[in-house]
């Protein structure tokens, strides 16, 4: 898997965090740089940690699933992508007194937006890839997009939130299809 594909996966994975960052930015009446950095650091760190955990778990089962790993990679990427597309169409009620910089809130949001990355980590264990490079790229891309999301949210509110998540889902499905077709041909 090349650098460009890893970067595209990182961007697709970061769409959940980006969407939540937009909502977080919109929640602030006075946005401070420390809030923006804190949110971006939490999302970037968790988005990097989860694929590593998935990768390590995948290494334990790799020998048992080697004959059909491309189908598993395709299924996981397509499943995560479909879930992201589905969730992009769900209407989420606004919650009052939402403080996205609160540590507990950030932990919950970070885990919730990075669960998909756990499945991607499992997929990466089935491919020939340097997990360290992938984790760094995923973490940095998520940090940057989350930071930008908070700023965009402060300026433009909820306009982009659902559309971004759907785009990320489509990207993951396309990458899953690419992996499947490469292994079948």
N, C-alpha and C. Protein backbone atom coordinates (compact mmCIF):
# COMPACT_ATOMS: atom_id res chain seq x y z
N UNK A 1 0.86 -1.16 0.00
CA UNK A 1 0.00 0.00 0.00
C UNK A 1 0.91 1.24 0.00
N UNK A 2 0.63 2.16 -0.87
CA UNK A 2 1.50 3.32 -1.02
C UNK A 2 1.07 4.49 -0.14
N UNK A 3 1.92 5.51 -0.12
CA UNK A 3 1.70 6.70 0.71
C UNK A 3 0.38 7.39 0.38
N UNK A 4 0.07 7.48 -0.89
CA UNK A 4 -1.16 8.17 -1.31
C UNK A 4 -2.39 7.43 -0.79
N UNK A 5 -2.40 6.11 -0.90
CA UNK A 5 -3.55 5.32 -0.43
C UNK A 5 -3.71 5.46 1.08
N UNK A 6 -2.60 5.41 1.81
CA UNK A 6 -2.66 5.58 3.27
C UNK A 6 -3.20 6.96 3.62
N UNK A 7 -2.76 7.97 2.89
CA UNK A 7 -3.24 9.33 3.14
C UNK A 7 -4.73 9.45 2.85
N UNK A 8 -5.19 8.82 1.78
CA UNK A 8 -6.62 8.85 1.45
C UNK A 8 -7.42 8.14 2.53
N UNK A 9 -6.91 7.00 3.01
CA UNK A 9 -7.57 6.30 4.12
C UNK A 9 -7.61 7.20 5.35
N UNK A 10 -6.51 7.87 5.64
CA UNK A 10 -6.45 8.77 6.79
C UNK A 10 -7.48 9.89 6.67
N UNK A 11 -7.60 10.44 5.49
CA UNK A 11 -8.59 11.51 5.27
C UNK A 11 -10.00 10.97 5.46
N UNK A 12 -10.27 9.80 4.90
CA UNK A 12 -11.60 9.21 5.05
C UNK A 12 -11.91 8.91 6.52
N UNK A 13 -10.93 8.36 7.24
CA UNK A 13 -11.14 8.07 8.66
C UNK A 13 -11.37 9.34 9.47
N UNK A 14 -10.71 10.41 9.08
CA UNK A 14 -10.80 11.66 9.83
C UNK A 14 -12.12 12.40 9.62
N UNK A 15 -12.95 11.94 8.69
CA UNK A 15 -14.19 12.66 8.39
C UNK A 15 -15.14 12.69 9.59
N UNK A 16 -15.22 11.61 10.36
CA UNK A 16 -16.05 11.63 11.57
C UNK A 16 -15.55 12.69 12.54
N UNK A 17 -14.25 12.67 12.79
CA UNK A 17 -13.66 13.65 13.72
C UNK A 17 -13.83 15.07 13.17
N UNK A 18 -13.69 15.23 11.86
CA UNK A 18 -13.87 16.54 11.24
C UNK A 18 -15.29 17.04 11.45
N UNK A 19 -16.26 16.15 11.22
CA UNK A 19 -17.67 16.53 11.40
C UNK A 19 -17.95 16.92 12.85
N UNK A 20 -17.44 16.14 13.80
CA UNK A 20 -17.65 16.46 15.22
C UNK A 20 -16.91 17.75 15.59
N UNK A 21 -15.76 17.97 14.97
CA UNK A 21 -15.01 19.21 15.22
C UNK A 21 -15.78 20.43 14.74
N UNK A 22 -16.49 20.29 13.63
CA UNK A 22 -17.31 21.40 13.13
C UNK A 22 -18.39 21.73 14.16
N UNK A 23 -19.05 20.70 14.67
CA UNK A 23 -20.08 20.91 15.69
C UNK A 23 -19.46 21.54 16.94
N UNK A 24 -18.27 21.06 17.31
CA UNK A 24 -17.58 21.60 18.49
C UNK A 24 -17.26 23.08 18.31
N UNK A 25 -16.76 23.44 17.14
CA UNK A 25 -16.45 24.84 16.88
C UNK A 25 -17.69 25.72 16.91
N UNK A 26 -18.80 25.17 16.41
CA UNK A 26 -20.05 25.93 16.41
C UNK A 26 -20.60 26.12 17.82
N UNK A 27 -20.21 25.24 18.74
CA UNK A 27 -20.73 25.31 20.12
C UNK A 27 -20.11 26.44 20.94
N UNK A 28 -18.98 26.95 20.49
CA UNK A 28 -18.28 27.99 21.26
C UNK A 28 -18.75 29.39 20.90
N UNK A 29 -19.02 30.17 21.94
CA UNK A 29 -19.31 31.58 21.71
C UNK A 29 -17.99 32.33 21.54
N UNK A 30 -17.00 32.00 22.36
CA UNK A 30 -15.66 32.57 22.23
C UNK A 30 -14.67 31.41 22.10
N UNK A 31 -14.17 31.22 20.91
CA UNK A 31 -13.25 30.13 20.64
C UNK A 31 -11.82 30.58 20.91
N UNK A 32 -11.12 29.81 21.74
CA UNK A 32 -9.71 30.08 22.04
C UNK A 32 -8.84 29.03 21.37
N UNK A 33 -7.64 29.39 21.04
CA UNK A 33 -6.71 28.47 20.38
C UNK A 33 -6.47 27.23 21.22
N UNK A 34 -6.48 27.36 22.55
CA UNK A 34 -6.25 26.19 23.41
C UNK A 34 -7.36 25.16 23.26
N UNK A 35 -8.61 25.61 23.05
CA UNK A 35 -9.72 24.68 22.82
C UNK A 35 -9.53 23.95 21.49
N UNK A 36 -9.16 24.69 20.48
CA UNK A 36 -8.97 24.11 19.16
C UNK A 36 -7.86 23.06 19.18
N UNK A 37 -6.73 23.39 19.79
CA UNK A 37 -5.61 22.45 19.87
C UNK A 37 -5.97 21.23 20.71
N UNK A 38 -6.65 21.44 21.81
CA UNK A 38 -7.04 20.33 22.69
C UNK A 38 -7.95 19.34 21.96
N UNK A 39 -8.94 19.84 21.26
CA UNK A 39 -9.85 18.99 20.51
C UNK A 39 -9.09 18.23 19.42
N UNK A 40 -8.27 18.94 18.68
CA UNK A 40 -7.50 18.31 17.59
C UNK A 40 -6.52 17.26 18.13
N UNK A 41 -5.89 17.53 19.27
CA UNK A 41 -4.96 16.55 19.86
C UNK A 41 -5.68 15.28 20.29
N UNK A 42 -6.81 15.41 20.95
CA UNK A 42 -7.56 14.23 21.37
C UNK A 42 -7.97 13.39 20.17
N UNK A 43 -8.58 14.03 19.16
CA UNK A 43 -9.03 13.28 17.99
C UNK A 43 -7.85 12.64 17.24
N UNK A 44 -6.78 13.40 17.06
CA UNK A 44 -5.60 12.86 16.36
C UNK A 44 -4.97 11.69 17.10
N UNK A 45 -4.85 11.80 18.42
CA UNK A 45 -4.23 10.74 19.21
C UNK A 45 -5.07 9.46 19.19
N UNK A 46 -6.37 9.59 19.40
CA UNK A 46 -7.22 8.40 19.40
C UNK A 46 -7.32 7.78 18.01
N UNK A 47 -7.37 8.62 16.99
CA UNK A 47 -7.45 8.11 15.62
C UNK A 47 -6.17 7.39 15.23
N UNK A 48 -5.05 7.73 15.85
CA UNK A 48 -3.78 7.04 15.60
C UNK A 48 -3.67 5.78 16.46
N UNK A 49 -4.17 5.83 17.67
CA UNK A 49 -4.06 4.70 18.60
C UNK A 49 -4.94 3.51 18.18
N UNK A 50 -6.14 3.77 17.74
CA UNK A 50 -7.08 2.69 17.41
C UNK A 50 -6.59 1.79 16.27
N UNK A 51 -6.05 2.33 15.17
CA UNK A 51 -5.55 1.42 14.13
C UNK A 51 -4.37 0.57 14.64
N UNK A 52 -3.58 1.12 15.51
CA UNK A 52 -2.47 0.36 16.08
C UNK A 52 -3.01 -0.83 16.88
N UNK A 53 -4.03 -0.60 17.68
CA UNK A 53 -4.66 -1.68 18.46
C UNK A 53 -5.26 -2.72 17.51
N UNK A 54 -5.97 -2.27 16.49
CA UNK A 54 -6.55 -3.18 15.50
C UNK A 54 -5.49 -3.97 14.75
N UNK A 55 -4.40 -3.31 14.42
CA UNK A 55 -3.29 -3.95 13.71
C UNK A 55 -2.68 -5.07 14.57
N UNK A 56 -2.42 -4.76 15.83
CA UNK A 56 -1.84 -5.75 16.74
C UNK A 56 -2.78 -6.95 16.93
N UNK A 57 -4.06 -6.69 17.03
CA UNK A 57 -5.04 -7.78 17.14
C UNK A 57 -5.06 -8.60 15.85
N UNK A 58 -4.97 -7.92 14.72
CA UNK A 58 -4.99 -8.61 13.43
C UNK A 58 -3.79 -9.51 13.22
N UNK A 59 -2.64 -9.12 13.75
CA UNK A 59 -1.45 -9.96 13.62
C UNK A 59 -1.63 -11.32 14.27
N UNK A 60 -2.43 -11.36 15.33
CA UNK A 60 -2.68 -12.63 16.04
C UNK A 60 -3.51 -13.61 15.21
N UNK A 61 -4.35 -13.10 14.33
CA UNK A 61 -5.22 -13.98 13.55
C UNK A 61 -4.82 -14.06 12.08
N UNK A 62 -3.77 -13.36 11.70
CA UNK A 62 -3.38 -13.25 10.31
C UNK A 62 -3.15 -14.60 9.63
N UNK A 63 -2.48 -15.53 10.28
CA UNK A 63 -2.18 -16.81 9.64
C UNK A 63 -3.45 -17.64 9.38
N UNK A 64 -4.49 -17.40 10.16
CA UNK A 64 -5.73 -18.16 10.01
C UNK A 64 -6.62 -17.63 8.89
N UNK A 65 -6.40 -16.39 8.50
CA UNK A 65 -7.30 -15.78 7.51
C UNK A 65 -6.57 -15.36 6.24
N UNK A 66 -5.34 -15.80 6.06
CA UNK A 66 -4.51 -15.36 4.93
C UNK A 66 -5.16 -15.65 3.57
N UNK A 67 -5.89 -16.76 3.45
CA UNK A 67 -6.46 -17.13 2.16
C UNK A 67 -7.61 -16.23 1.71
N UNK A 68 -8.25 -15.57 2.63
CA UNK A 68 -9.38 -14.71 2.26
C UNK A 68 -9.28 -13.32 2.91
N UNK A 69 -8.05 -12.89 3.19
CA UNK A 69 -7.86 -11.59 3.83
C UNK A 69 -8.34 -10.42 2.98
N UNK A 70 -8.25 -10.54 1.65
CA UNK A 70 -8.72 -9.47 0.78
C UNK A 70 -10.24 -9.28 0.89
N UNK A 71 -10.96 -10.38 1.10
CA UNK A 71 -12.41 -10.28 1.30
C UNK A 71 -12.73 -9.61 2.64
N UNK A 72 -11.92 -9.92 3.65
CA UNK A 72 -12.12 -9.30 4.97
C UNK A 72 -11.82 -7.80 4.88
N UNK A 73 -10.71 -7.45 4.21
CA UNK A 73 -10.35 -6.04 4.05
C UNK A 73 -11.47 -5.29 3.32
N UNK A 74 -11.95 -5.89 2.22
CA UNK A 74 -13.04 -5.28 1.46
C UNK A 74 -14.29 -5.13 2.32
N UNK A 75 -14.64 -6.18 3.06
CA UNK A 75 -15.84 -6.15 3.90
C UNK A 75 -15.74 -5.10 5.00
N UNK A 76 -14.60 -5.05 5.67
CA UNK A 76 -14.43 -4.08 6.76
C UNK A 76 -14.48 -2.65 6.23
N UNK A 77 -13.71 -2.37 5.16
CA UNK A 77 -13.71 -1.02 4.61
C UNK A 77 -15.09 -0.63 4.08
N UNK A 78 -15.74 -1.56 3.39
CA UNK A 78 -17.08 -1.26 2.86
C UNK A 78 -18.10 -1.10 3.98
N UNK A 79 -17.99 -1.94 5.01
CA UNK A 79 -18.90 -1.83 6.15
C UNK A 79 -18.76 -0.51 6.88
N UNK A 80 -17.50 -0.13 7.14
CA UNK A 80 -17.26 1.15 7.82
C UNK A 80 -17.74 2.30 6.93
N UNK A 81 -17.45 2.21 5.63
CA UNK A 81 -17.89 3.25 4.70
C UNK A 81 -19.40 3.37 4.64
N UNK A 82 -20.08 2.23 4.57
CA UNK A 82 -21.55 2.24 4.53
C UNK A 82 -22.13 2.82 5.82
N UNK A 83 -21.52 2.46 6.95
CA UNK A 83 -21.96 3.00 8.25
C UNK A 83 -21.81 4.53 8.27
N UNK A 84 -20.69 5.02 7.74
CA UNK A 84 -20.47 6.47 7.71
C UNK A 84 -21.51 7.16 6.82
N UNK A 85 -21.80 6.55 5.68
CA UNK A 85 -22.81 7.14 4.78
C UNK A 85 -24.17 7.14 5.46
N UNK A 86 -24.55 6.02 6.06
CA UNK A 86 -25.83 5.93 6.76
C UNK A 86 -25.94 6.98 7.86
N UNK A 87 -24.88 7.08 8.67
CA UNK A 87 -24.91 8.04 9.78
C UNK A 87 -24.93 9.48 9.30
N UNK A 88 -24.43 9.73 8.10
CA UNK A 88 -24.44 11.10 7.59
C UNK A 88 -25.85 11.58 7.28
N UNK A 89 -26.79 10.65 7.11
CA UNK A 89 -28.17 11.01 6.81
C UNK A 89 -29.06 11.04 8.05
N UNK A 90 -28.55 10.58 9.18
CA UNK A 90 -29.33 10.62 10.41
C UNK A 90 -29.37 12.04 10.95
N UNK A 91 -30.50 12.43 11.46
CA UNK A 91 -30.64 13.76 12.05
C UNK A 91 -30.29 13.64 13.52
N UNK A 92 -29.35 14.45 13.95
CA UNK A 92 -28.92 14.42 15.35
C UNK A 92 -29.45 15.65 16.07
N UNK A 93 -30.14 15.45 17.16
CA UNK A 93 -30.65 16.61 17.89
C UNK A 93 -29.52 17.39 18.55
N UNK A 94 -29.67 18.69 18.58
CA UNK A 94 -28.69 19.53 19.24
C UNK A 94 -28.83 19.39 20.75
N UNK A 95 -27.71 19.39 21.43
CA UNK A 95 -27.74 19.25 22.88
C UNK A 95 -27.33 20.58 23.52
N UNK A 96 -28.05 20.96 24.53
CA UNK A 96 -27.71 22.20 25.23
C UNK A 96 -26.53 21.98 26.16
N UNK A 97 -25.84 23.05 26.50
CA UNK A 97 -24.70 23.03 27.40
C UNK A 97 -23.62 22.04 26.97
N UNK A 98 -23.36 21.95 25.70
CA UNK A 98 -22.35 21.06 25.14
C UNK A 98 -21.00 21.74 25.24
N UNK A 99 -20.07 21.17 26.02
CA UNK A 99 -18.72 21.70 26.15
C UNK A 99 -17.74 20.70 25.57
N UNK A 100 -17.37 20.87 24.30
CA UNK A 100 -16.51 19.89 23.64
C UNK A 100 -15.08 19.85 24.18
N UNK A 101 -14.65 20.83 24.95
CA UNK A 101 -13.29 20.82 25.50
C UNK A 101 -13.23 20.13 26.86
N UNK A 102 -14.37 19.74 27.42
CA UNK A 102 -14.41 19.01 28.67
C UNK A 102 -13.72 17.66 28.45
N UNK A 103 -12.85 17.25 29.38
CA UNK A 103 -12.07 16.03 29.21
C UNK A 103 -12.94 14.80 29.01
N UNK A 104 -13.96 14.63 29.81
CA UNK A 104 -14.83 13.47 29.68
C UNK A 104 -15.55 13.48 28.33
N UNK A 105 -16.06 14.62 27.94
CA UNK A 105 -16.73 14.76 26.65
C UNK A 105 -15.76 14.43 25.52
N UNK A 106 -14.54 14.95 25.62
CA UNK A 106 -13.53 14.69 24.59
C UNK A 106 -13.16 13.22 24.51
N UNK A 107 -13.05 12.56 25.66
CA UNK A 107 -12.74 11.12 25.66
C UNK A 107 -13.83 10.33 24.95
N UNK A 108 -15.08 10.62 25.29
CA UNK A 108 -16.20 9.92 24.67
C UNK A 108 -16.24 10.19 23.16
N UNK A 109 -16.12 11.45 22.78
CA UNK A 109 -16.15 11.79 21.36
C UNK A 109 -14.97 11.18 20.60
N UNK A 110 -13.80 11.18 21.22
CA UNK A 110 -12.60 10.63 20.58
C UNK A 110 -12.73 9.13 20.35
N UNK A 111 -13.23 8.42 21.34
CA UNK A 111 -13.43 6.97 21.18
C UNK A 111 -14.52 6.72 20.14
N UNK A 112 -15.61 7.45 20.22
CA UNK A 112 -16.73 7.23 19.29
C UNK A 112 -16.31 7.49 17.84
N UNK A 113 -15.49 8.50 17.60
CA UNK A 113 -15.10 8.81 16.22
C UNK A 113 -13.95 7.94 15.74
N UNK A 114 -13.31 7.20 16.63
CA UNK A 114 -12.16 6.39 16.21
C UNK A 114 -12.42 4.89 16.21
N UNK A 115 -13.62 4.47 16.55
CA UNK A 115 -13.95 3.04 16.53
C UNK A 115 -13.74 2.47 15.12
N UNK A 116 -14.13 3.23 14.11
CA UNK A 116 -13.93 2.78 12.73
C UNK A 116 -12.45 2.52 12.44
N UNK A 117 -11.58 3.31 13.04
CA UNK A 117 -10.14 3.16 12.82
C UNK A 117 -9.62 1.83 13.37
N UNK A 118 -10.30 1.29 14.38
CA UNK A 118 -9.94 -0.02 14.92
C UNK A 118 -10.09 -1.08 13.83
N UNK A 119 -11.20 -1.04 13.12
CA UNK A 119 -11.43 -1.99 12.03
C UNK A 119 -10.43 -1.78 10.89
N UNK A 120 -10.08 -0.53 10.63
CA UNK A 120 -9.10 -0.25 9.59
C UNK A 120 -7.74 -0.81 10.00
N UNK A 121 -7.40 -0.71 11.28
CA UNK A 121 -6.15 -1.29 11.77
C UNK A 121 -6.09 -2.79 11.54
N UNK A 122 -7.21 -3.46 11.78
CA UNK A 122 -7.28 -4.90 11.50
C UNK A 122 -7.04 -5.14 10.01
N UNK A 123 -7.64 -4.32 9.18
CA UNK A 123 -7.44 -4.44 7.73
C UNK A 123 -5.98 -4.22 7.37
N UNK A 124 -5.34 -3.23 7.97
CA UNK A 124 -3.93 -2.95 7.66
C UNK A 124 -3.02 -4.11 8.05
N UNK A 125 -3.40 -4.89 9.06
CA UNK A 125 -2.58 -6.03 9.46
C UNK A 125 -2.60 -7.13 8.39
N UNK A 126 -3.59 -7.10 7.53
CA UNK A 126 -3.71 -8.10 6.47
C UNK A 126 -2.94 -7.71 5.21
N UNK A 127 -2.45 -6.48 5.17
CA UNK A 127 -1.74 -5.97 4.01
C UNK A 127 -0.27 -5.76 4.35
N UNK A 128 0.54 -5.65 3.36
CA UNK A 128 1.95 -5.36 3.59
C UNK A 128 2.10 -3.85 3.74
N UNK A 129 2.26 -3.43 4.98
CA UNK A 129 2.28 -2.00 5.27
C UNK A 129 3.07 -1.74 6.55
N UNK A 130 3.71 -0.59 6.59
CA UNK A 130 4.38 -0.16 7.82
C UNK A 130 3.34 0.53 8.70
N UNK A 131 2.98 -0.11 9.80
CA UNK A 131 1.94 0.43 10.66
C UNK A 131 2.37 1.75 11.31
N UNK A 132 3.66 1.88 11.58
CA UNK A 132 4.14 3.13 12.21
C UNK A 132 3.89 4.31 11.28
N UNK A 133 4.23 4.15 10.01
CA UNK A 133 3.99 5.24 9.06
C UNK A 133 2.49 5.51 8.93
N UNK A 134 1.69 4.45 8.84
CA UNK A 134 0.24 4.61 8.71
C UNK A 134 -0.34 5.33 9.93
N UNK A 135 0.09 4.94 11.12
CA UNK A 135 -0.42 5.55 12.36
C UNK A 135 -0.04 7.03 12.43
N UNK A 136 1.19 7.34 12.05
CA UNK A 136 1.63 8.75 12.06
C UNK A 136 0.80 9.56 11.07
N UNK A 137 0.62 9.03 9.87
CA UNK A 137 -0.16 9.75 8.85
C UNK A 137 -1.60 9.94 9.32
N UNK A 138 -2.21 8.88 9.84
CA UNK A 138 -3.59 8.96 10.31
C UNK A 138 -3.73 9.98 11.44
N UNK A 139 -2.80 9.95 12.39
CA UNK A 139 -2.84 10.89 13.51
C UNK A 139 -2.66 12.34 13.07
N UNK A 140 -1.69 12.58 12.21
CA UNK A 140 -1.41 13.95 11.75
C UNK A 140 -2.56 14.49 10.90
N UNK A 141 -3.05 13.67 9.98
CA UNK A 141 -4.16 14.10 9.13
C UNK A 141 -5.39 14.41 9.98
N UNK A 142 -5.68 13.53 10.95
CA UNK A 142 -6.84 13.77 11.81
C UNK A 142 -6.66 15.04 12.64
N UNK A 143 -5.46 15.25 13.18
CA UNK A 143 -5.19 16.47 13.93
C UNK A 143 -5.48 17.69 13.06
N UNK A 144 -4.90 17.70 11.86
CA UNK A 144 -5.05 18.87 10.98
C UNK A 144 -6.51 19.10 10.59
N UNK A 145 -7.21 18.03 10.22
CA UNK A 145 -8.62 18.19 9.83
C UNK A 145 -9.50 18.56 11.01
N UNK A 146 -9.19 18.03 12.18
CA UNK A 146 -9.97 18.39 13.37
C UNK A 146 -9.75 19.86 13.74
N UNK A 147 -8.52 20.29 13.66
CA UNK A 147 -8.22 21.70 13.93
C UNK A 147 -9.00 22.58 12.94
N UNK A 148 -8.91 22.23 11.66
CA UNK A 148 -9.63 23.00 10.64
C UNK A 148 -11.14 22.92 10.87
N UNK A 149 -11.62 21.76 11.31
CA UNK A 149 -13.05 21.58 11.55
C UNK A 149 -13.58 22.50 12.63
N UNK A 150 -12.81 22.66 13.70
CA UNK A 150 -13.24 23.56 14.78
C UNK A 150 -13.33 24.99 14.25
N UNK A 151 -12.33 25.38 13.47
CA UNK A 151 -12.33 26.74 12.91
C UNK A 151 -13.50 26.93 11.93
N UNK A 152 -13.70 25.95 11.06
CA UNK A 152 -14.82 26.02 10.11
C UNK A 152 -16.16 26.05 10.87
N UNK A 153 -16.27 25.23 11.90
CA UNK A 153 -17.49 25.19 12.70
C UNK A 153 -17.81 26.52 13.34
N UNK A 154 -16.78 27.18 13.81
CA UNK A 154 -16.98 28.49 14.43
C UNK A 154 -17.50 29.50 13.40
N UNK A 155 -17.00 29.37 12.18
CA UNK A 155 -17.38 30.35 11.15
C UNK A 155 -18.68 30.00 10.42
N UNK A 156 -18.87 28.70 10.12
CA UNK A 156 -19.98 28.32 9.24
C UNK A 156 -21.01 27.39 9.87
N UNK A 157 -20.80 27.00 11.11
CA UNK A 157 -21.79 26.16 11.79
C UNK A 157 -21.89 24.75 11.24
N UNK A 158 -23.10 24.24 11.11
CA UNK A 158 -23.34 22.83 10.79
C UNK A 158 -23.53 22.56 9.29
N UNK A 159 -23.24 23.52 8.44
CA UNK A 159 -23.55 23.37 7.02
C UNK A 159 -22.89 22.14 6.38
N UNK A 160 -21.61 21.88 6.72
CA UNK A 160 -20.86 20.82 6.04
C UNK A 160 -20.92 19.46 6.73
N UNK A 161 -21.29 19.41 7.97
CA UNK A 161 -21.13 18.22 8.83
C UNK A 161 -21.53 16.90 8.15
N UNK A 162 -22.75 16.75 7.74
CA UNK A 162 -23.23 15.47 7.21
C UNK A 162 -22.63 15.13 5.85
N UNK A 163 -22.39 16.11 5.02
CA UNK A 163 -21.83 15.86 3.70
C UNK A 163 -20.43 15.30 3.79
N UNK A 164 -19.64 15.80 4.72
CA UNK A 164 -18.26 15.37 4.89
C UNK A 164 -18.21 13.90 5.29
N UNK A 165 -19.05 13.48 6.19
CA UNK A 165 -19.07 12.10 6.66
C UNK A 165 -19.44 11.15 5.52
N UNK A 166 -20.37 11.53 4.67
CA UNK A 166 -20.77 10.70 3.53
C UNK A 166 -19.61 10.55 2.54
N UNK A 167 -18.89 11.61 2.29
CA UNK A 167 -17.73 11.56 1.38
C UNK A 167 -16.69 10.59 1.92
N UNK A 168 -16.41 10.66 3.21
CA UNK A 168 -15.46 9.74 3.82
C UNK A 168 -15.89 8.29 3.66
N UNK A 169 -17.17 8.01 3.80
CA UNK A 169 -17.70 6.66 3.62
C UNK A 169 -17.51 6.15 2.20
N UNK A 170 -17.79 6.98 1.23
CA UNK A 170 -17.61 6.60 -0.17
C UNK A 170 -16.14 6.29 -0.45
N UNK A 171 -15.24 7.11 0.08
CA UNK A 171 -13.81 6.89 -0.12
C UNK A 171 -13.38 5.53 0.43
N UNK A 172 -13.83 5.17 1.62
CA UNK A 172 -13.46 3.88 2.21
C UNK A 172 -13.99 2.71 1.38
N UNK A 173 -15.19 2.82 0.86
CA UNK A 173 -15.75 1.76 0.02
C UNK A 173 -14.92 1.60 -1.26
N UNK A 174 -14.53 2.70 -1.87
CA UNK A 174 -13.72 2.65 -3.09
C UNK A 174 -12.36 2.01 -2.81
N UNK A 175 -11.73 2.34 -1.70
CA UNK A 175 -10.45 1.73 -1.36
C UNK A 175 -10.62 0.24 -1.09
N UNK A 176 -11.69 -0.15 -0.41
CA UNK A 176 -11.97 -1.58 -0.19
C UNK A 176 -12.14 -2.32 -1.50
N UNK A 177 -12.85 -1.72 -2.43
CA UNK A 177 -13.05 -2.32 -3.74
C UNK A 177 -11.72 -2.44 -4.48
N UNK A 178 -10.89 -1.44 -4.38
CA UNK A 178 -9.57 -1.46 -5.02
C UNK A 178 -8.73 -2.62 -4.48
N UNK A 179 -8.72 -2.82 -3.16
CA UNK A 179 -7.96 -3.92 -2.55
C UNK A 179 -8.48 -5.27 -3.05
N UNK A 180 -9.80 -5.42 -3.08
CA UNK A 180 -10.41 -6.67 -3.53
C UNK A 180 -10.04 -6.95 -4.98
N UNK A 181 -10.18 -5.96 -5.84
CA UNK A 181 -9.89 -6.16 -7.27
C UNK A 181 -8.41 -6.45 -7.51
N UNK A 182 -7.51 -5.83 -6.74
CA UNK A 182 -6.08 -6.11 -6.89
C UNK A 182 -5.76 -7.55 -6.52
N UNK A 183 -6.39 -8.09 -5.51
CA UNK A 183 -6.11 -9.46 -5.08
C UNK A 183 -6.78 -10.50 -5.97
N UNK A 184 -7.90 -10.14 -6.58
CA UNK A 184 -8.60 -11.08 -7.45
C UNK A 184 -8.00 -11.15 -8.85
N UNK A 185 -7.27 -10.11 -9.25
CA UNK A 185 -6.71 -10.11 -10.61
C UNK A 185 -5.27 -10.54 -10.64
